[in-house]
Amino acid sequence: MEERKIKVLLVNGSPRPNHNTGKALKAAMEGAKDAGADVELLNLYTVKNLKGCYSCFQCQRKGFSKVDPVCCIKDETWPWLDKAREADVVIFGSPVYFSYPTGLLRAFIERFLFPKHSYDSKVKLVNPKNTACIFTMNCPRDYMDHMNYPVLLGYTTDGCKHVYGFGESLYICNTYQFDDYSQMQFDLFREEDKHAYRDAHFQEDLDRAKDLGSRLVEEAKKRLDL
């Protein structure tokens, strides 16, 4: 009998699939693969007509199963929501725009969480799922704390944890934002400082993302007794 493999879906909410967020997710994907998982990466900006929750409430009606649910609206986003349903581990990634993840990631997460969520206190959590959010941002760590990002961004992670039982955040700060700083208007930071910080720390951030991917797979194996 073929050994059951952990399934991992990584969801990139960045419009630049190969920039900081994409690199972090690919590092997490590498860690998950090294741990023996089957992995798949979704770039949300390639999904046509991606929309958030339709507020149809079909998933909240009596008789709708909360065991292994998926959104009832079968649009262009639905096949990926079905993959998220089947995955044992889901890792989201997004740059931070005005204190929050990108709109497309929020839209996907609404559709991912709401079918599993219940307003009935008697409905118990079944088939939990390991989830994590990787947030990349231009601001340094101390400014991230000043802006209350751990709380604001934590709402997304906490929502995943509330609905699926597991959730954690990984923050990557002070990223190298532009490909060509000479074309940009700015005076709040110096390109030389951004460059130096990237060279000193970004590989460490990628290593943390890789460790995250590996660890979540190992935790899922223990949870599923594999």
C-alpha atoms as a PDB file:
ATOM      1  CA  MET A   1       0.000   0.000   0.000  1.00  0.00           C
ATOM      2  CA  GLU A   2       1.395   3.395  -1.013  1.00  0.00           C
ATOM      3  CA  GLU A   3       2.331   5.629   1.901  1.00  0.00           C
ATOM      4  CA  ARG A   4       0.005   8.567   2.485  1.00  0.00           C
ATOM      5  CA  LYS A   5       1.822  11.857   1.846  1.00  0.00           C
ATOM      6  CA  ILE A   6       1.090  15.184   3.459  1.00  0.00           C
ATOM      7  CA  LYS A   7      -0.444  17.634   0.976  1.00  0.00           C
ATOM      8  CA  VAL A   8       0.688  21.261   1.152  1.00  0.00           C
ATOM      9  CA  LEU A   9      -0.858  24.205  -0.687  1.00  0.00           C
ATOM     10  CA  LEU A  10       1.020  27.511  -0.711  1.00  0.00           C
ATOM     11  CA  VAL A  11      -1.004  30.592  -1.687  1.00  0.00           C
ATOM     12  CA  ASN A  12       0.804  33.704  -2.922  1.00  0.00           C
ATOM     13  CA  GLY A  13      -1.209  36.907  -2.540  1.00  0.00           C
ATOM     14  CA  SER A  14       1.454  39.122  -4.110  1.00  0.00           C
ATOM     15  CA  PRO A  15       1.031  40.677  -7.572  1.00  0.00           C
ATOM     16  CA  ARG A  16       4.777  40.081  -8.074  1.00  0.00           C
ATOM     17  CA  PRO A  17       5.035  36.275  -7.932  1.00  0.00           C
ATOM     18  CA  ASN A  18       8.842  36.160  -7.853  1.00  0.00           C
ATOM     19  CA  HIS A  19       9.549  38.981  -5.428  1.00  0.00           C
ATOM     20  CA  ASN A  20       9.992  38.850  -1.643  1.00  0.00           C
ATOM     21  CA  THR A  21       6.759  37.011  -0.792  1.00  0.00           C
ATOM     22  CA  GLY A  22       7.194  34.568  -3.658  1.00  0.00           C
ATOM     23  CA  LYS A  23      10.754  33.794  -2.616  1.00  0.00           C
ATOM     24  CA  ALA A  24       9.664  33.187   0.963  1.00  0.00           C
ATOM     25  CA  LEU A  25       6.866  30.857  -0.138  1.00  0.00           C
ATOM     26  CA  LYS A  26       9.219  28.951  -2.429  1.00  0.00           C
ATOM     27  CA  ALA A  27      11.590  28.518   0.524  1.00  0.00           C
ATOM     28  CA  ALA A  28       8.683  27.185   2.612  1.00  0.00           C
ATOM     29  CA  MET A  29       7.776  24.899  -0.289  1.00  0.00           C
ATOM     30  CA  GLU A  30      11.344  23.580  -0.392  1.00  0.00           C
ATOM     31  CA  GLY A  31      11.194  22.834   3.334  1.00  0.00           C
ATOM     32  CA  ALA A  32       7.885  21.026   2.905  1.00  0.00           C
ATOM     33  CA  LYS A  33       9.248  18.952   0.014  1.00  0.00           C
ATOM     34  CA  ASP A  34      12.336  18.040   2.039  1.00  0.00           C
ATOM     35  CA  ALA A  35       9.967  16.783   4.744  1.00  0.00           C
ATOM     36  CA  GLY A  36       8.342  14.466   2.198  1.00  0.00           C
ATOM     37  CA  ALA A  37       5.192  16.399   1.307  1.00  0.00           C
ATOM     38  CA  ASP A  38       3.400  16.827  -2.008  1.00  0.00           C
ATOM     39  CA  VAL A  39       3.395  20.570  -2.656  1.00  0.00           C
ATOM     40  CA  GLU A  40       1.598  22.991  -4.959  1.00  0.00           C
ATOM     41  CA  LEU A  41       1.939  26.773  -5.281  1.00  0.00           C
ATOM     42  CA  LEU A  42      -0.914  29.077  -6.302  1.00  0.00           C
ATOM     43  CA  ASN A  43      -0.269  32.647  -7.474  1.00  0.00           C
ATOM     44  CA  LEU A  44      -3.596  34.341  -6.805  1.00  0.00           C
ATOM     45  CA  TYR A  45      -3.096  37.046  -9.420  1.00  0.00           C
ATOM     46  CA  THR A  46      -3.365  34.357 -12.112  1.00  0.00           C
ATOM     47  CA  VAL A  47      -6.881  33.362 -10.994  1.00  0.00           C
ATOM     48  CA  LYS A  48      -9.499  35.023 -13.194  1.00  0.00           C
ATOM     49  CA  ASN A  49     -12.393  36.862 -11.547  1.00  0.00           C
ATOM     50  CA  LEU A  50     -11.320  35.976  -8.022  1.00  0.00           C
ATOM     51  CA  LYS A  51     -13.998  37.183  -5.630  1.00  0.00           C
ATOM     52  CA  GLY A  52     -14.476  37.029  -1.890  1.00  0.00           C
ATOM     53  CA  CYS A  53     -17.457  35.568  -0.056  1.00  0.00           C
ATOM     54  CA  TYR A  54     -20.752  35.991  -1.946  1.00  0.00           C
ATOM     55  CA  SER A  55     -22.719  36.048   1.318  1.00  0.00           C
ATOM     56  CA  CYS A  56     -25.103  33.405  -0.056  1.00  0.00           C
ATOM     57  CA  PHE A  57     -25.005  31.597   3.325  1.00  0.00           C
ATOM     58  CA  GLN A  58     -25.430  28.188   1.671  1.00  0.00           C
ATOM     59  CA  CYS A  59     -22.593  26.905   3.852  1.00  0.00           C
ATOM     60  CA  GLN A  60     -24.445  27.985   7.006  1.00  0.00           C
ATOM     61  CA  ARG A  61     -27.722  26.236   6.204  1.00  0.00           C
ATOM     62  CA  LYS A  62     -28.904  23.227   8.177  1.00  0.00           C
ATOM     63  CA  GLY A  63     -27.510  19.986   6.814  1.00  0.00           C
ATOM     64  CA  PHE A  64     -24.320  21.510   5.376  1.00  0.00           C
ATOM     65  CA  SER A  65     -21.450  19.318   6.557  1.00  0.00           C
ATOM     66  CA  LYS A  66     -18.660  21.026   8.506  1.00  0.00           C
ATOM     67  CA  VAL A  67     -16.502  17.897   8.337  1.00  0.00           C
ATOM     68  CA  ASP A  68     -14.746  18.576   5.043  1.00  0.00           C
ATOM     69  CA  PRO A  69     -16.446  21.611   3.517  1.00  0.00           C
ATOM     70  CA  VAL A  70     -15.746  23.784   0.491  1.00  0.00           C
ATOM     71  CA  CYS A  71     -17.426  26.940  -0.814  1.00  0.00           C
ATOM     72  CA  CYS A  72     -20.675  26.287  -2.694  1.00  0.00           C
ATOM     73  CA  ILE A  73     -19.998  28.851  -5.458  1.00  0.00           C
ATOM     74  CA  LYS A  74     -18.289  27.028  -8.332  1.00  0.00           C
ATOM     75  CA  ASP A  75     -16.552  29.925 -10.063  1.00  0.00           C
ATOM     76  CA  GLU A  76     -12.955  30.208 -11.301  1.00  0.00           C
ATOM     77  CA  THR A  77     -11.680  30.228  -7.703  1.00  0.00           C
ATOM     78  CA  TRP A  78     -13.478  27.033  -6.661  1.00  0.00           C
ATOM     79  CA  PRO A  79     -10.907  24.461  -7.949  1.00  0.00           C
ATOM     80  CA  TRP A  80      -8.245  26.091  -5.777  1.00  0.00           C
ATOM     81  CA  LEU A  81     -10.565  26.235  -2.786  1.00  0.00           C
ATOM     82  CA  ASP A  82     -11.107  22.514  -3.296  1.00  0.00           C
ATOM     83  CA  LYS A  83      -7.329  21.996  -3.282  1.00  0.00           C
ATOM     84  CA  ALA A  84      -7.144  23.988  -0.045  1.00  0.00           C
ATOM     85  CA  ARG A  85      -9.856  21.737   1.381  1.00  0.00           C
ATOM     86  CA  GLU A  86      -7.849  18.635   0.472  1.00  0.00           C
ATOM     87  CA  ALA A  87      -4.537  20.004   1.784  1.00  0.00           C
ATOM     88  CA  ASP A  88      -3.223  19.062   5.208  1.00  0.00           C
ATOM     89  CA  VAL A  89      -1.145  22.246   5.379  1.00  0.00           C
ATOM     90  CA  VAL A  90      -1.980  25.643   3.856  1.00  0.00           C
ATOM     91  CA  ILE A  91       0.602  28.430   3.905  1.00  0.00           C
ATOM     92  CA  PHE A  92      -0.483  31.912   2.847  1.00  0.00           C
ATOM     93  CA  GLY A  93       1.902  34.673   1.834  1.00  0.00           C
ATOM     94  CA  SER A  94       1.321  38.363   1.227  1.00  0.00           C
ATOM     95  CA  PRO A  95       3.043  41.722   1.201  1.00  0.00           C
ATOM     96  CA  VAL A  96       1.532  44.228   3.622  1.00  0.00           C
ATOM     97  CA  TYR A  97      -0.435  47.049   1.994  1.00  0.00           C
ATOM     98  CA  PHE A  98      -1.677  49.744   4.385  1.00  0.00           C
ATOM     99  CA  SER A  99      -1.528  47.443   7.419  1.00  0.00           C
ATOM    100  CA  TYR A 100      -3.244  44.420   5.854  1.00  0.00           C
ATOM    101  CA  PRO A 101      -2.652  41.547   3.413  1.00  0.00           C
ATOM    102  CA  THR A 102      -3.558  42.161  -0.215  1.00  0.00           C
ATOM    103  CA  GLY A 103      -7.220  42.277  -1.167  1.00  0.00           C
ATOM    104  CA  LEU A 104      -6.982  39.122  -3.280  1.00  0.00           C
ATOM    105  CA  LEU A 105      -5.571  37.107  -0.400  1.00  0.00           C
ATOM    106  CA  ARG A 106      -8.298  38.368   1.906  1.00  0.00           C
ATOM    107  CA  ALA A 107     -10.899  37.374  -0.719  1.00  0.00           C
ATOM    108  CA  PHE A 108      -9.483  33.851  -0.984  1.00  0.00           C
ATOM    109  CA  ILE A 109      -9.273  33.438   2.784  1.00  0.00           C
ATOM    110  CA  GLU A 110     -12.916  34.480   3.189  1.00  0.00           C
ATOM    111  CA  ARG A 111     -13.959  31.694   0.845  1.00  0.00           C
ATOM    112  CA  PHE A 112     -11.547  29.257   2.524  1.00  0.00           C
ATOM    113  CA  LEU A 113     -12.703  29.882   6.097  1.00  0.00           C
ATOM    114  CA  PHE A 114     -16.414  30.617   5.970  1.00  0.00           C
ATOM    115  CA  PRO A 115     -17.650  27.123   4.963  1.00  0.00           C
ATOM    116  CA  LYS A 116     -15.782  25.620   7.937  1.00  0.00           C
ATOM    117  CA  HIS A 117     -16.964  28.315  10.342  1.00  0.00           C
ATOM    118  CA  SER A 118     -20.161  27.715  12.324  1.00  0.00           C
ATOM    119  CA  TYR A 119     -22.470  29.946  14.346  1.00  0.00           C
ATOM    120  CA  ASP A 120     -23.628  26.856  16.241  1.00  0.00           C
ATOM    121  CA  SER A 121     -21.636  26.293  19.443  1.00  0.00           C
ATOM    122  CA  LYS A 122     -22.546  22.591  19.378  1.00  0.00           C
ATOM    123  CA  VAL A 123     -20.601  22.055  16.135  1.00  0.00           C
ATOM    124  CA  LYS A 124     -17.170  20.733  17.105  1.00  0.00           C
ATOM    125  CA  LEU A 125     -13.929  21.105  15.153  1.00  0.00           C
ATOM    126  CA  VAL A 126     -13.230  18.080  12.961  1.00  0.00           C
ATOM    127  CA  ASN A 127     -10.426  17.537  10.455  1.00  0.00           C
ATOM    128  CA  PRO A 128      -8.173  20.368  11.654  1.00  0.00           C
ATOM    129  CA  LYS A 129      -5.557  21.788   9.332  1.00  0.00           C
ATOM    130  CA  ASN A 130      -2.104  23.295   9.891  1.00  0.00           C
ATOM    131  CA  THR A 131      -2.039  26.863   8.575  1.00  0.00           C
ATOM    132  CA  ALA A 132       0.457  29.723   8.565  1.00  0.00           C
ATOM    133  CA  CYS A 133       0.775  33.235   7.145  1.00  0.00           C
ATOM    134  CA  ILE A 134       4.005  34.764   5.864  1.00  0.00           C
ATOM    135  CA  PHE A 135       3.877  38.571   5.778  1.00  0.00           C
ATOM    136  CA  THR A 136       6.555  40.622   3.996  1.00  0.00           C
ATOM    137  CA  MET A 137       6.851  44.374   4.470  1.00  0.00           C
ATOM    138  CA  ASN A 138       9.011  47.369   3.662  1.00  0.00           C
ATOM    139  CA  CYS A 139       9.055  48.706   7.222  1.00  0.00           C
ATOM    140  CA  PRO A 140      11.676  47.657   9.810  1.00  0.00           C
ATOM    141  CA  ARG A 141      10.750  45.485  12.779  1.00  0.00           C
ATOM    142  CA  ASP A 142      10.556  48.286  15.347  1.00  0.00           C
ATOM    143  CA  TYR A 143       8.210  50.272  13.095  1.00  0.00           C
ATOM    144  CA  MET A 144       6.124  47.156  12.548  1.00  0.00           C
ATOM    145  CA  ASP A 145       5.538  47.020  16.294  1.00  0.00           C
ATOM    146  CA  HIS A 146       4.838  50.772  16.359  1.00  0.00           C
ATOM    147  CA  MET A 147       2.163  50.310  13.678  1.00  0.00           C
ATOM    148  CA  ASN A 148       0.573  47.484  15.702  1.00  0.00           C
ATOM    149  CA  TYR A 149       1.082  45.053  12.820  1.00  0.00           C
ATOM    150  CA  PRO A 150       1.315  41.945  15.037  1.00  0.00           C
ATOM    151  CA  VAL A 151      -2.278  42.655  16.102  1.00  0.00           C
ATOM    152  CA  LEU A 152      -3.641  43.829  12.737  1.00  0.00           C
ATOM    153  CA  LEU A 153      -1.997  41.065  10.708  1.00  0.00           C
ATOM    154  CA  GLY A 154      -2.638  38.623  13.500  1.00  0.00           C
ATOM    155  CA  TYR A 155      -6.370  38.843  12.845  1.00  0.00           C
ATOM    156  CA  THR A 156      -5.853  36.892   9.610  1.00  0.00           C
ATOM    157  CA  THR A 157      -3.731  34.251  11.304  1.00  0.00           C
ATOM    158  CA  ASP A 158      -6.096  34.050  14.269  1.00  0.00           C
ATOM    159  CA  GLY A 159      -9.038  33.546  11.919  1.00  0.00           C
ATOM    160  CA  CYS A 160      -7.312  30.528  10.389  1.00  0.00           C
ATOM    161  CA  LYS A 161      -6.459  29.198  13.835  1.00  0.00           C
ATOM    162  CA  HIS A 162     -10.001  29.703  15.112  1.00  0.00           C
ATOM    163  CA  VAL A 163     -11.549  27.844  12.182  1.00  0.00           C
ATOM    164  CA  TYR A 164      -8.950  25.125  11.519  1.00  0.00           C
ATOM    165  CA  GLY A 165      -7.301  24.709  14.915  1.00  0.00           C
ATOM    166  CA  PHE A 166      -3.755  25.765  13.994  1.00  0.00           C
ATOM    167  CA  GLY A 167      -2.237  29.042  12.809  1.00  0.00           C
ATOM    168  CA  GLU A 168       0.962  31.025  13.101  1.00  0.00           C
ATOM    169  CA  SER A 169       2.626  34.073  11.569  1.00  0.00           C
ATOM    170  CA  LEU A 170       6.077  34.659  10.136  1.00  0.00           C
ATOM    171  CA  TYR A 171       7.121  38.300   9.609  1.00  0.00           C
ATOM    172  CA  ILE A 172       9.785  39.392   7.114  1.00  0.00           C
ATOM    173  CA  CYS A 173      10.610  43.061   7.646  1.00  0.00           C
ATOM    174  CA  ASN A 174      12.599  45.813   5.949  1.00  0.00           C
ATOM    175  CA  THR A 175      12.477  44.178   2.530  1.00  0.00           C
ATOM    176  CA  TYR A 176      14.172  45.473  -0.594  1.00  0.00           C
ATOM    177  CA  GLN A 177      11.062  46.914  -2.187  1.00  0.00           C
ATOM    178  CA  PHE A 178      11.958  48.249  -5.663  1.00  0.00           C
ATOM    179  CA  ASP A 179      13.925  46.664  -8.472  1.00  0.00           C
ATOM    180  CA  ASP A 180      15.351  50.055  -9.464  1.00  0.00           C
ATOM    181  CA  TYR A 181      15.443  52.647  -6.695  1.00  0.00           C
ATOM    182  CA  SER A 182      16.877  55.269  -9.068  1.00  0.00           C
ATOM    183  CA  GLN A 183      13.453  55.544 -10.742  1.00  0.00           C
ATOM    184  CA  MET A 184      11.558  56.090  -7.489  1.00  0.00           C
ATOM    185  CA  GLN A 185      10.795  59.183  -5.427  1.00  0.00           C
ATOM    186  CA  PHE A 186      11.564  58.655  -1.733  1.00  0.00           C
ATOM    187  CA  ASP A 187      13.384  60.187   1.215  1.00  0.00           C
ATOM    188  CA  LEU A 188      12.140  58.109   4.143  1.00  0.00           C
ATOM    189  CA  PHE A 189      14.974  55.575   3.755  1.00  0.00           C
ATOM    190  CA  ARG A 190      18.258  55.113   1.940  1.00  0.00           C
ATOM    191  CA  GLU A 191      18.781  52.547  -0.797  1.00  0.00           C
ATOM    192  CA  GLU A 192      22.224  51.736   0.626  1.00  0.00           C
ATOM    193  CA  ASP A 193      20.681  50.850   3.983  1.00  0.00           C
ATOM    194  CA  LYS A 194      17.984  48.715   2.372  1.00  0.00           C
ATOM    195  CA  HIS A 195      20.585  46.930   0.269  1.00  0.00           C
ATOM    196  CA  ALA A 196      22.837  46.282   3.263  1.00  0.00           C
ATOM    197  CA  TYR A 197      19.948  44.959   5.363  1.00  0.00           C
ATOM    198  CA  ARG A 198      18.813  42.641   2.572  1.00  0.00           C
ATOM    199  CA  ASP A 199      22.297  41.224   2.139  1.00  0.00           C
ATOM    200  CA  ALA A 200      22.654  40.683   5.884  1.00  0.00           C
ATOM    201  CA  HIS A 201      19.214  39.306   6.732  1.00  0.00           C
ATOM    202  CA  PHE A 202      17.100  38.147   3.802  1.00  0.00           C
ATOM    203  CA  GLN A 203      18.715  34.728   3.567  1.00  0.00           C
ATOM    204  CA  GLU A 204      18.006  34.288   7.273  1.00  0.00           C
ATOM    205  CA  ASP A 205      14.366  35.118   6.553  1.00  0.00           C
ATOM    206  CA  LEU A 206      14.266  32.548   3.757  1.00  0.00           C
ATOM    207  CA  ASP A 207      15.797  29.975   6.085  1.00  0.00           C
ATOM    208  CA  ARG A 208      13.054  30.694   8.628  1.00  0.00           C
ATOM    209  CA  ALA A 209      10.446  30.212   5.912  1.00  0.00           C
ATOM    210  CA  LYS A 210      12.042  26.931   4.894  1.00  0.00           C
ATOM    211  CA  ASP A 211      12.039  25.743   8.494  1.00  0.00           C
ATOM    212  CA  LEU A 212       8.375  26.739   8.760  1.00  0.00           C
ATOM    213  CA  GLY A 213       7.424  24.611   5.767  1.00  0.00           C
ATOM    214  CA  SER A 214       9.321  21.609   7.104  1.00  0.00           C
ATOM    215  CA  ARG A 215       7.987  21.945  10.634  1.00  0.00           C
ATOM    216  CA  LEU A 216       4.349  22.292   9.588  1.00  0.00           C
ATOM    217  CA  VAL A 217       4.623  19.084   7.578  1.00  0.00           C
ATOM    218  CA  GLU A 218       6.145  17.237  10.535  1.00  0.00           C
ATOM    219  CA  GLU A 219       3.412  18.573  12.817  1.00  0.00           C
ATOM    220  CA  ALA A 220       0.749  17.441  10.341  1.00  0.00           C
ATOM    221  CA  LYS A 221       2.296  13.968  10.242  1.00  0.00           C
ATOM    222  CA  LYS A 222       2.034  13.732  14.020  1.00  0.00           C
ATOM    223  CA  ARG A 223      -1.520  15.040  13.981  1.00  0.00           C
ATOM    224  CA  LEU A 224      -2.533  12.458  11.363  1.00  0.00           C
ATOM    225  CA  ASP A 225      -0.391   9.701  12.911  1.00  0.00           C
ATOM    226  CA  LEU A 226       1.596   9.143   9.703  1.00  0.00           C
END
